[in-house]
Amino acid sequence: MDIFQSIIIAIVEGLTEFLPVSSTGHMIIAEKLLGVTSDEFTKAFTVIIQFGAILSVIWLYWKRFFRLKSVPEGVTGIKAFLTRYDFYLKLFIAFIPAAIFGFLFSDLIDSMLESVTVVAVMLVIGGILMLYVDKWFNKTDGETVMSEKSAFKIGLYQCIAMIPGVSRSMATIVGGMQQGFSRKQAAEFSFFLAVPTMFAATAYKLLKLIIEPETRTLLLDNLTVLIIGNAVAFFVAILAIKFFIDFLTKHGFKAFGYYRIIVGAAIIIMTLCGVELQIS
């Protein structure tokens, strides 16, 4: 992978990470169109590049992300601690399912990252669901107080997104809306949840590359590509988040559903017509 390819893929990542269209799926397709050869670094790059994008969440929401909850007078000890760090506790609880599933099924997930067909099918299935989400969960304003149980359930939804083409954003936003949150509240929690999730995924992939001498050399040879890619994804994602929140609040999910169906169907038709779309 060269610098030009990494920039294009990073732009795709930044634009799609927080949209319910599957950033991983789009990156896999982009890699194929750019002629990127599949190796251990390429597979890791598809995950690590997402870290640059989720840093944009901290940049845009830093006041909320680092704000501790005030403790009522008279509350002390462990109860005071849990109250003060309530936001981070909910994030951790929501993060746990993905951490467990990701660790247990890492190799299976890597194998699916090579399949454009899996991406296409899941884009279509997810697109169909997107058409009905607003009807199923139609709360449009106000905020619902999140419980530990709700956070955990959203974390379970996030596990579904380990299948390329599902979209982590879509899964967690739908999970939040199913728990009674408005579209905006569900989307913002999805952004926050991306931070520990993608930090852990990035750290895990980097560790796997560093441990083995062969892949460590591959990482060092492509370090510039990785840094530039993350920087580009960061800046593009800032613009994408601002657009998405405004669009989602006003228009809902239907447009994203139609987009997913069109793209997924086009890939399936091309595959059936004999066009080779598997990454080699």
C-alpha atoms as a PDB file:
ATOM      1  CA  MET A   1       0.000   0.000   0.000  1.00  0.00           C
ATOM      2  CA  ASP A   2       1.377   3.395  -0.993  1.00  0.00           C
ATOM      3  CA  ILE A   3       0.629   6.854   0.407  1.00  0.00           C
ATOM      4  CA  PHE A   4      -1.887   7.729  -2.330  1.00  0.00           C
ATOM      5  CA  GLN A   5      -3.863   4.546  -1.678  1.00  0.00           C
ATOM      6  CA  SER A   6      -3.817   5.163   2.078  1.00  0.00           C
ATOM      7  CA  ILE A   7      -5.145   8.711   1.610  1.00  0.00           C
ATOM      8  CA  ILE A   8      -8.044   7.542  -0.582  1.00  0.00           C
ATOM      9  CA  ILE A   9      -8.931   4.755   1.850  1.00  0.00           C
ATOM     10  CA  ALA A  10      -8.640   7.203   4.770  1.00  0.00           C
ATOM     11  CA  ILE A  11     -11.060   9.602   3.064  1.00  0.00           C
ATOM     12  CA  VAL A  12     -13.499   6.725   2.602  1.00  0.00           C
ATOM     13  CA  GLU A  13     -13.069   5.794   6.263  1.00  0.00           C
ATOM     14  CA  GLY A  14     -13.537   9.339   7.516  1.00  0.00           C
ATOM     15  CA  LEU A  15     -16.677   9.814   5.451  1.00  0.00           C
ATOM     16  CA  THR A  16     -18.292   6.503   6.397  1.00  0.00           C
ATOM     17  CA  GLU A  17     -17.162   5.632   9.945  1.00  0.00           C
ATOM     18  CA  PHE A  18     -20.098   7.381  11.599  1.00  0.00           C
ATOM     19  CA  LEU A  19     -22.648   6.889   8.849  1.00  0.00           C
ATOM     20  CA  PRO A  20     -24.778   3.694   9.008  1.00  0.00           C
ATOM     21  CA  VAL A  21     -23.312   2.395   5.738  1.00  0.00           C
ATOM     22  CA  SER A  22     -20.341   0.275   6.968  1.00  0.00           C
ATOM     23  CA  SER A  23     -16.954   1.962   6.852  1.00  0.00           C
ATOM     24  CA  THR A  24     -15.158  -1.403   6.827  1.00  0.00           C
ATOM     25  CA  GLY A  25     -17.256  -2.569   3.897  1.00  0.00           C
ATOM     26  CA  HIS A  26     -16.501   0.579   1.922  1.00  0.00           C
ATOM     27  CA  MET A  27     -12.784   0.344   2.701  1.00  0.00           C
ATOM     28  CA  ILE A  28     -12.694  -3.271   1.496  1.00  0.00           C
ATOM     29  CA  ILE A  29     -14.341  -2.216  -1.762  1.00  0.00           C
ATOM     30  CA  ALA A  30     -11.994   0.786  -2.093  1.00  0.00           C
ATOM     31  CA  GLU A  31      -8.946  -1.440  -1.530  1.00  0.00           C
ATOM     32  CA  LYS A  32     -10.096  -3.745  -4.322  1.00  0.00           C
ATOM     33  CA  LEU A  33     -10.709  -0.871  -6.745  1.00  0.00           C
ATOM     34  CA  LEU A  34      -7.283   0.577  -5.933  1.00  0.00           C
ATOM     35  CA  GLY A  35      -5.592  -2.778  -6.430  1.00  0.00           C
ATOM     36  CA  VAL A  36      -4.301  -3.075  -2.884  1.00  0.00           C
ATOM     37  CA  THR A  37      -2.738  -6.468  -2.208  1.00  0.00           C
ATOM     38  CA  SER A  38      -4.096  -8.292   0.821  1.00  0.00           C
ATOM     39  CA  ASP A  39      -1.498  -9.001   3.511  1.00  0.00           C
ATOM     40  CA  GLU A  40      -1.317  -8.813   7.297  1.00  0.00           C
ATOM     41  CA  PHE A  41      -0.660  -5.088   7.223  1.00  0.00           C
ATOM     42  CA  THR A  42      -3.604  -4.378   4.904  1.00  0.00           C
ATOM     43  CA  LYS A  43      -5.976  -6.296   7.180  1.00  0.00           C
ATOM     44  CA  ALA A  44      -4.639  -4.416  10.208  1.00  0.00           C
ATOM     45  CA  PHE A  45      -4.764  -1.083   8.357  1.00  0.00           C
ATOM     46  CA  THR A  46      -8.509  -1.540   7.763  1.00  0.00           C
ATOM     47  CA  VAL A  47      -8.968  -1.620  11.546  1.00  0.00           C
ATOM     48  CA  ILE A  48      -6.250   0.784  12.708  1.00  0.00           C
ATOM     49  CA  ILE A  49      -7.292   3.544  10.276  1.00  0.00           C
ATOM     50  CA  GLN A  50     -10.597   3.750  12.140  1.00  0.00           C
ATOM     51  CA  PHE A  51      -8.753   4.998  15.221  1.00  0.00           C
ATOM     52  CA  GLY A  52      -7.912   8.238  13.428  1.00  0.00           C
ATOM     53  CA  ALA A  53     -11.583   8.758  12.671  1.00  0.00           C
ATOM     54  CA  ILE A  54     -12.815   8.134  16.204  1.00  0.00           C
ATOM     55  CA  LEU A  55     -10.316  10.649  17.608  1.00  0.00           C
ATOM     56  CA  SER A  56     -12.509  13.237  15.903  1.00  0.00           C
ATOM     57  CA  VAL A  57     -15.190  12.380  18.476  1.00  0.00           C
ATOM     58  CA  ILE A  58     -12.892  13.434  21.309  1.00  0.00           C
ATOM     59  CA  TRP A  59     -12.025  16.619  19.419  1.00  0.00           C
ATOM     60  CA  LEU A  60     -15.668  17.595  18.792  1.00  0.00           C
ATOM     61  CA  TYR A  61     -17.142  16.398  22.088  1.00  0.00           C
ATOM     62  CA  TRP A  62     -14.209  16.862  24.451  1.00  0.00           C
ATOM     63  CA  LYS A  63     -16.218  18.923  26.955  1.00  0.00           C
ATOM     64  CA  ARG A  64     -18.776  16.145  27.309  1.00  0.00           C
ATOM     65  CA  PHE A  65     -16.318  13.291  26.965  1.00  0.00           C
ATOM     66  CA  PHE A  66     -14.108  14.494  29.821  1.00  0.00           C
ATOM     67  CA  ARG A  67     -16.817  15.976  32.044  1.00  0.00           C
ATOM     68  CA  LEU A  68     -17.368  14.224  35.354  1.00  0.00           C
ATOM     69  CA  LYS A  69     -20.835  14.075  36.852  1.00  0.00           C
ATOM     70  CA  SER A  70     -21.437  16.172  39.947  1.00  0.00           C
ATOM     71  CA  VAL A  71     -21.942  14.257  43.197  1.00  0.00           C
ATOM     72  CA  PRO A  72     -24.921  15.234  45.382  1.00  0.00           C
ATOM     73  CA  GLU A  73     -24.056  16.560  48.812  1.00  0.00           C
ATOM     74  CA  GLY A  74     -23.812  13.830  51.403  1.00  0.00           C
ATOM     75  CA  VAL A  75     -22.966  11.065  48.927  1.00  0.00           C
ATOM     76  CA  THR A  76     -19.573   9.533  49.690  1.00  0.00           C
ATOM     77  CA  GLY A  77     -17.469   6.412  49.162  1.00  0.00           C
ATOM     78  CA  ILE A  78     -18.077   3.980  46.330  1.00  0.00           C
ATOM     79  CA  LYS A  79     -21.459   5.512  45.557  1.00  0.00           C
ATOM     80  CA  ALA A  80     -19.833   8.913  45.041  1.00  0.00           C
ATOM     81  CA  PHE A  81     -17.205   7.345  42.779  1.00  0.00           C
ATOM     82  CA  LEU A  82     -19.806   5.540  40.660  1.00  0.00           C
ATOM     83  CA  THR A  83     -21.872   8.702  40.394  1.00  0.00           C
ATOM     84  CA  ARG A  84     -18.915  10.850  39.348  1.00  0.00           C
ATOM     85  CA  TYR A  85     -17.700   8.373  36.729  1.00  0.00           C
ATOM     86  CA  ASP A  86     -21.142   7.220  35.601  1.00  0.00           C
ATOM     87  CA  PHE A  87     -20.511   8.132  31.938  1.00  0.00           C
ATOM     88  CA  TYR A  88     -17.333   6.065  31.726  1.00  0.00           C
ATOM     89  CA  LEU A  89     -18.951   3.170  33.578  1.00  0.00           C
ATOM     90  CA  LYS A  90     -21.736   3.014  30.980  1.00  0.00           C
ATOM     91  CA  LEU A  91     -19.176   3.149  28.164  1.00  0.00           C
ATOM     92  CA  PHE A  92     -17.188   0.323  29.739  1.00  0.00           C
ATOM     93  CA  ILE A  93     -20.278  -1.843  30.182  1.00  0.00           C
ATOM     94  CA  ALA A  94     -21.295  -1.255  26.554  1.00  0.00           C
ATOM     95  CA  PHE A  95     -17.738  -2.028  25.429  1.00  0.00           C
ATOM     96  CA  ILE A  96     -17.443  -5.414  27.205  1.00  0.00           C
ATOM     97  CA  PRO A  97     -19.430  -7.582  24.710  1.00  0.00           C
ATOM     98  CA  ALA A  98     -17.394  -6.393  21.709  1.00  0.00           C
ATOM     99  CA  ALA A  99     -14.133  -6.897  23.600  1.00  0.00           C
ATOM    100  CA  ILE A 100     -15.035 -10.517  24.372  1.00  0.00           C
ATOM    101  CA  PHE A 101     -16.403 -11.360  20.932  1.00  0.00           C
ATOM    102  CA  GLY A 102     -13.550  -9.595  19.167  1.00  0.00           C
ATOM    103  CA  PHE A 103     -10.944 -11.534  21.132  1.00  0.00           C
ATOM    104  CA  LEU A 104     -12.660 -14.897  20.654  1.00  0.00           C
ATOM    105  CA  PHE A 105     -13.439 -14.549  16.950  1.00  0.00           C
ATOM    106  CA  SER A 106     -10.544 -12.414  15.693  1.00  0.00           C
ATOM    107  CA  ASP A 107      -9.421 -14.932  13.048  1.00  0.00           C
ATOM    108  CA  LEU A 108     -12.961 -15.430  11.731  1.00  0.00           C
ATOM    109  CA  ILE A 109     -13.436 -11.669  11.471  1.00  0.00           C
ATOM    110  CA  ASP A 110     -10.132 -11.334   9.586  1.00  0.00           C
ATOM    111  CA  SER A 111     -11.237 -13.995   7.098  1.00  0.00           C
ATOM    112  CA  MET A 112     -14.495 -12.146   6.438  1.00  0.00           C
ATOM    113  CA  LEU A 113     -12.550  -8.933   5.771  1.00  0.00           C
ATOM    114  CA  GLU A 114     -11.390 -10.531   2.514  1.00  0.00           C
ATOM    115  CA  SER A 115     -14.916 -11.115   1.201  1.00  0.00           C
ATOM    116  CA  VAL A 116     -16.619  -8.414  -0.844  1.00  0.00           C
ATOM    117  CA  THR A 117     -19.608 -10.763  -1.194  1.00  0.00           C
ATOM    118  CA  VAL A 118     -20.200 -10.759   2.564  1.00  0.00           C
ATOM    119  CA  VAL A 119     -20.053  -6.963   2.522  1.00  0.00           C
ATOM    120  CA  ALA A 120     -22.565  -6.724  -0.342  1.00  0.00           C
ATOM    121  CA  VAL A 121     -25.102  -9.070   1.235  1.00  0.00           C
ATOM    122  CA  MET A 122     -24.929  -7.322   4.603  1.00  0.00           C
ATOM    123  CA  LEU A 123     -25.220  -3.906   2.952  1.00  0.00           C
ATOM    124  CA  VAL A 124     -28.512  -4.984   1.357  1.00  0.00           C
ATOM    125  CA  ILE A 125     -29.897  -6.626   4.508  1.00  0.00           C
ATOM    126  CA  GLY A 126     -28.916  -3.644   6.635  1.00  0.00           C
ATOM    127  CA  GLY A 127     -30.343  -1.268   4.044  1.00  0.00           C
ATOM    128  CA  ILE A 128     -33.733  -2.960   4.163  1.00  0.00           C
ATOM    129  CA  LEU A 129     -33.747  -2.655   7.961  1.00  0.00           C
ATOM    130  CA  MET A 130     -32.806   1.025   7.685  1.00  0.00           C
ATOM    131  CA  LEU A 131     -36.011   1.692   5.741  1.00  0.00           C
ATOM    132  CA  TYR A 132     -38.125   0.693   8.738  1.00  0.00           C
ATOM    133  CA  VAL A 133     -36.060   1.848  11.726  1.00  0.00           C
ATOM    134  CA  ASP A 134     -37.820   5.202  11.985  1.00  0.00           C
ATOM    135  CA  LYS A 135     -41.212   3.474  12.047  1.00  0.00           C
ATOM    136  CA  TRP A 136     -40.178   0.954  14.681  1.00  0.00           C
ATOM    137  CA  PHE A 137     -38.463   3.439  16.986  1.00  0.00           C
ATOM    138  CA  ASN A 138     -39.982   6.851  16.380  1.00  0.00           C
ATOM    139  CA  LYS A 139     -38.885   8.933  19.377  1.00  0.00           C
ATOM    140  CA  THR A 140     -37.576  12.190  17.884  1.00  0.00           C
ATOM    141  CA  ASP A 141     -36.698  14.436  20.828  1.00  0.00           C
ATOM    142  CA  GLY A 142     -35.816  14.531  24.496  1.00  0.00           C
ATOM    143  CA  GLU A 143     -33.282  12.398  26.325  1.00  0.00           C
ATOM    144  CA  THR A 144     -33.752   9.082  28.087  1.00  0.00           C
ATOM    145  CA  VAL A 145     -31.566   8.343  31.092  1.00  0.00           C
ATOM    146  CA  MET A 146     -29.282   5.441  30.242  1.00  0.00           C
ATOM    147  CA  SER A 147     -29.075   2.529  32.657  1.00  0.00           C
ATOM    148  CA  GLU A 148     -26.319  -0.067  32.935  1.00  0.00           C
ATOM    149  CA  LYS A 149     -28.722  -2.610  31.415  1.00  0.00           C
ATOM    150  CA  SER A 150     -29.387  -0.376  28.407  1.00  0.00           C
ATOM    151  CA  ALA A 151     -25.663   0.212  27.898  1.00  0.00           C
ATOM    152  CA  PHE A 152     -24.983  -3.521  27.914  1.00  0.00           C
ATOM    153  CA  LYS A 153     -27.735  -4.188  25.370  1.00  0.00           C
ATOM    154  CA  ILE A 154     -26.289  -1.553  23.047  1.00  0.00           C
ATOM    155  CA  GLY A 155     -22.942  -3.317  23.461  1.00  0.00           C
ATOM    156  CA  LEU A 156     -24.555  -6.552  22.290  1.00  0.00           C
ATOM    157  CA  TYR A 157     -25.835  -4.787  19.184  1.00  0.00           C
ATOM    158  CA  GLN A 158     -22.297  -3.602  18.500  1.00  0.00           C
ATOM    159  CA  CYS A 159     -21.120  -7.216  18.266  1.00  0.00           C
ATOM    160  CA  ILE A 160     -23.267  -7.708  15.170  1.00  0.00           C
ATOM    161  CA  ALA A 161     -21.151  -5.085  13.422  1.00  0.00           C
ATOM    162  CA  MET A 162     -18.131  -7.384  13.494  1.00  0.00           C
ATOM    163  CA  ILE A 163     -19.581  -8.827  10.297  1.00  0.00           C
ATOM    164  CA  PRO A 164     -18.186  -6.600   7.504  1.00  0.00           C
ATOM    165  CA  GLY A 165     -20.967  -4.621   5.856  1.00  0.00           C
ATOM    166  CA  VAL A 166     -23.209  -4.395   8.913  1.00  0.00           C
ATOM    167  CA  SER A 167     -21.891  -1.017  10.182  1.00  0.00           C
ATOM    168  CA  ARG A 168     -20.921  -0.421  13.792  1.00  0.00           C
ATOM    169  CA  SER A 169     -22.661   2.927  13.670  1.00  0.00           C
ATOM    170  CA  MET A 170     -25.900   1.418  12.378  1.00  0.00           C
ATOM    171  CA  ALA A 171     -25.915  -1.408  14.912  1.00  0.00           C
ATOM    172  CA  THR A 172     -25.273   0.783  17.950  1.00  0.00           C
ATOM    173  CA  ILE A 173     -27.630   3.575  16.877  1.00  0.00           C
ATOM    174  CA  VAL A 174     -30.437   1.079  16.269  1.00  0.00           C
ATOM    175  CA  GLY A 175     -29.582  -0.513  19.610  1.00  0.00           C
ATOM    176  CA  GLY A 176     -29.866   2.866  21.317  1.00  0.00           C
ATOM    177  CA  MET A 177     -33.167   3.679  19.643  1.00  0.00           C
ATOM    178  CA  GLN A 178     -34.506   0.260  20.613  1.00  0.00           C
ATOM    179  CA  GLN A 179     -33.712   1.256  24.201  1.00  0.00           C
ATOM    180  CA  GLY A 180     -35.851   4.371  23.878  1.00  0.00           C
ATOM    181  CA  PHE A 181     -33.276   7.002  22.904  1.00  0.00           C
ATOM    182  CA  SER A 182     -33.869   9.669  20.270  1.00  0.00           C
ATOM    183  CA  ARG A 183     -31.929   9.442  17.003  1.00  0.00           C
ATOM    184  CA  LYS A 184     -29.518  12.177  18.111  1.00  0.00           C
ATOM    185  CA  GLN A 185     -28.936  10.710  21.584  1.00  0.00           C
ATOM    186  CA  ALA A 186     -28.405   7.223  20.155  1.00  0.00           C
ATOM    187  CA  ALA A 187     -26.002   8.546  17.511  1.00  0.00           C
ATOM    188  CA  GLU A 188     -23.920  10.493  20.019  1.00  0.00           C
ATOM    189  CA  PHE A 189     -23.598   7.511  22.348  1.00  0.00           C
ATOM    190  CA  SER A 190     -22.570   5.461  19.319  1.00  0.00           C
ATOM    191  CA  PHE A 191     -19.801   8.017  18.669  1.00  0.00           C
ATOM    192  CA  PHE A 192     -18.621   7.839  22.295  1.00  0.00           C
ATOM    193  CA  LEU A 193     -18.682   4.034  22.292  1.00  0.00           C
ATOM    194  CA  ALA A 194     -16.466   4.033  19.208  1.00  0.00           C
ATOM    195  CA  VAL A 195     -13.605   5.495  21.260  1.00  0.00           C
ATOM    196  CA  PRO A 196     -12.877   2.568  23.630  1.00  0.00           C
ATOM    197  CA  THR A 197     -13.943   0.014  21.016  1.00  0.00           C
ATOM    198  CA  MET A 198     -11.628   1.222  18.273  1.00  0.00           C
ATOM    199  CA  PHE A 199      -8.826   2.025  20.713  1.00  0.00           C
ATOM    200  CA  ALA A 200      -8.891  -1.593  21.886  1.00  0.00           C
ATOM    201  CA  ALA A 201      -9.137  -2.940  18.330  1.00  0.00           C
ATOM    202  CA  THR A 202      -6.239  -0.760  17.216  1.00  0.00           C
ATOM    203  CA  ALA A 203      -4.068  -1.748  20.180  1.00  0.00           C
ATOM    204  CA  TYR A 204      -4.825  -5.434  19.577  1.00  0.00           C
ATOM    205  CA  LYS A 205      -3.959  -5.247  15.869  1.00  0.00           C
ATOM    206  CA  LEU A 206      -0.758  -3.304  16.546  1.00  0.00           C
ATOM    207  CA  LEU A 207       0.286  -5.788  19.201  1.00  0.00           C
ATOM    208  CA  LYS A 208      -0.235  -8.698  16.804  1.00  0.00           C
ATOM    209  CA  LEU A 209       1.907  -6.945  14.200  1.00  0.00           C
ATOM    210  CA  ILE A 210       4.662  -6.069  16.671  1.00  0.00           C
ATOM    211  CA  ILE A 211       4.979  -9.518  18.254  1.00  0.00           C
ATOM    212  CA  GLU A 212       5.997 -11.352  15.068  1.00  0.00           C
ATOM    213  CA  PRO A 213       9.337 -10.250  13.527  1.00  0.00           C
ATOM    214  CA  GLU A 214       8.002 -10.591   9.964  1.00  0.00           C
ATOM    215  CA  THR A 215       4.887  -8.492  10.524  1.00  0.00           C
ATOM    216  CA  ARG A 216       6.863  -6.049  12.695  1.00  0.00           C
ATOM    217  CA  THR A 217       9.079  -5.290   9.696  1.00  0.00           C
ATOM    218  CA  LEU A 218       5.948  -4.891   7.568  1.00  0.00           C
ATOM    219  CA  LEU A 219       4.564  -2.391  10.077  1.00  0.00           C
ATOM    220  CA  LEU A 220       7.777  -0.348  10.221  1.00  0.00           C
ATOM    221  CA  ASP A 221       7.990  -0.259   6.426  1.00  0.00           C
ATOM    222  CA  ASN A 222       4.452   1.136   6.272  1.00  0.00           C
ATOM    223  CA  LEU A 223       4.524   3.390   9.347  1.00  0.00           C
ATOM    224  CA  THR A 224       4.375   6.611   7.302  1.00  0.00           C
ATOM    225  CA  VAL A 225       1.402   5.279   5.368  1.00  0.00           C
ATOM    226  CA  LEU A 226      -0.363   4.461   8.638  1.00  0.00           C
ATOM    227  CA  ILE A 227       0.274   7.868  10.227  1.00  0.00           C
ATOM    228  CA  ILE A 228      -0.839   9.826   7.161  1.00  0.00           C
ATOM    229  CA  GLY A 229      -3.932   7.652   6.793  1.00  0.00           C
ATOM    230  CA  ASN A 230      -5.009   8.225  10.376  1.00  0.00           C
ATOM    231  CA  ALA A 231      -4.455  11.984  10.091  1.00  0.00           C
ATOM    232  CA  VAL A 232      -6.582  12.208   6.940  1.00  0.00           C
ATOM    233  CA  ALA A 233      -9.340  10.062   8.481  1.00  0.00           C
ATOM    234  CA  PHE A 234      -9.371  12.333  11.541  1.00  0.00           C
ATOM    235  CA  PHE A 235      -9.979  15.567   9.610  1.00  0.00           C
ATOM    236  CA  VAL A 236     -12.515  14.068   7.183  1.00  0.00           C
ATOM    237  CA  ALA A 237     -14.464  12.444  10.041  1.00  0.00           C
ATOM    238  CA  ILE A 238     -14.910  15.822  11.764  1.00  0.00           C
ATOM    239  CA  LEU A 239     -16.841  17.064   8.726  1.00  0.00           C
ATOM    240  CA  ALA A 240     -18.783  13.808   8.412  1.00  0.00           C
ATOM    241  CA  ILE A 241     -19.976  13.885  12.039  1.00  0.00           C
ATOM    242  CA  LYS A 242     -21.298  17.428  11.733  1.00  0.00           C
ATOM    243  CA  PHE A 243     -23.185  16.492   8.567  1.00  0.00           C
ATOM    244  CA  PHE A 244     -24.540  13.229   9.947  1.00  0.00           C
ATOM    245  CA  ILE A 245     -26.016  14.575  13.174  1.00  0.00           C
ATOM    246  CA  ASP A 246     -27.832  17.352  11.337  1.00  0.00           C
ATOM    247  CA  PHE A 247     -29.092  15.070   8.548  1.00  0.00           C
ATOM    248  CA  LEU A 248     -30.138  12.253  10.866  1.00  0.00           C
ATOM    249  CA  THR A 249     -32.061  14.566  13.178  1.00  0.00           C
ATOM    250  CA  LYS A 250     -34.007  16.076  10.279  1.00  0.00           C
ATOM    251  CA  HIS A 251     -34.442  13.148   7.873  1.00  0.00           C
ATOM    252  CA  GLY A 252     -33.874   9.839   9.648  1.00  0.00           C
ATOM    253  CA  PHE A 253     -32.418   6.684   8.105  1.00  0.00           C
ATOM    254  CA  LYS A 254     -34.268   6.073   4.834  1.00  0.00           C
ATOM    255  CA  ALA A 255     -31.712   7.725   2.560  1.00  0.00           C
ATOM    256  CA  PHE A 256     -28.943   5.586   4.050  1.00  0.00           C
ATOM    257  CA  GLY A 257     -31.112   2.493   3.604  1.00  0.00           C
ATOM    258  CA  TYR A 258     -31.616   3.146  -0.107  1.00  0.00           C
ATOM    259  CA  TYR A 259     -27.914   3.885  -0.529  1.00  0.00           C
ATOM    260  CA  ARG A 260     -26.927   0.594   1.124  1.00  0.00           C
ATOM    261  CA  ILE A 261     -29.353  -1.392  -1.023  1.00  0.00           C
ATOM    262  CA  ILE A 262     -28.166   0.211  -4.270  1.00  0.00           C
ATOM    263  CA  VAL A 263     -24.463  -0.296  -3.523  1.00  0.00           C
ATOM    264  CA  GLY A 264     -24.917  -3.848  -2.204  1.00  0.00           C
ATOM    265  CA  ALA A 265     -27.160  -4.873  -5.107  1.00  0.00           C
ATOM    266  CA  ALA A 266     -24.716  -3.431  -7.641  1.00  0.00           C
ATOM    267  CA  ILE A 267     -21.855  -5.475  -6.158  1.00  0.00           C
ATOM    268  CA  ILE A 268     -23.955  -8.653  -6.120  1.00  0.00           C
ATOM    269  CA  ILE A 269     -24.987  -8.148  -9.760  1.00  0.00           C
ATOM    270  CA  MET A 270     -21.376  -7.569 -10.787  1.00  0.00           C
ATOM    271  CA  THR A 271     -20.348 -10.746  -8.981  1.00  0.00           C
ATOM    272  CA  LEU A 272     -23.112 -12.773 -10.662  1.00  0.00           C
ATOM    273  CA  CYS A 273     -21.981 -11.387 -14.022  1.00  0.00           C
ATOM    274  CA  GLY A 274     -18.539 -12.825 -13.444  1.00  0.00           C
ATOM    275  CA  VAL A 275     -16.685  -9.702 -12.311  1.00  0.00           C
ATOM    276  CA  GLU A 276     -13.990 -10.750  -9.836  1.00  0.00           C
ATOM    277  CA  LEU A 277     -14.297  -8.590  -6.725  1.00  0.00           C
ATOM    278  CA  GLN A 278     -12.467 -10.661  -4.140  1.00  0.00           C
ATOM    279  CA  ILE A 279      -9.354  -9.092  -2.678  1.00  0.00           C
ATOM    280  CA  SER A 280      -6.334 -11.201  -3.603  1.00  0.00           C
END
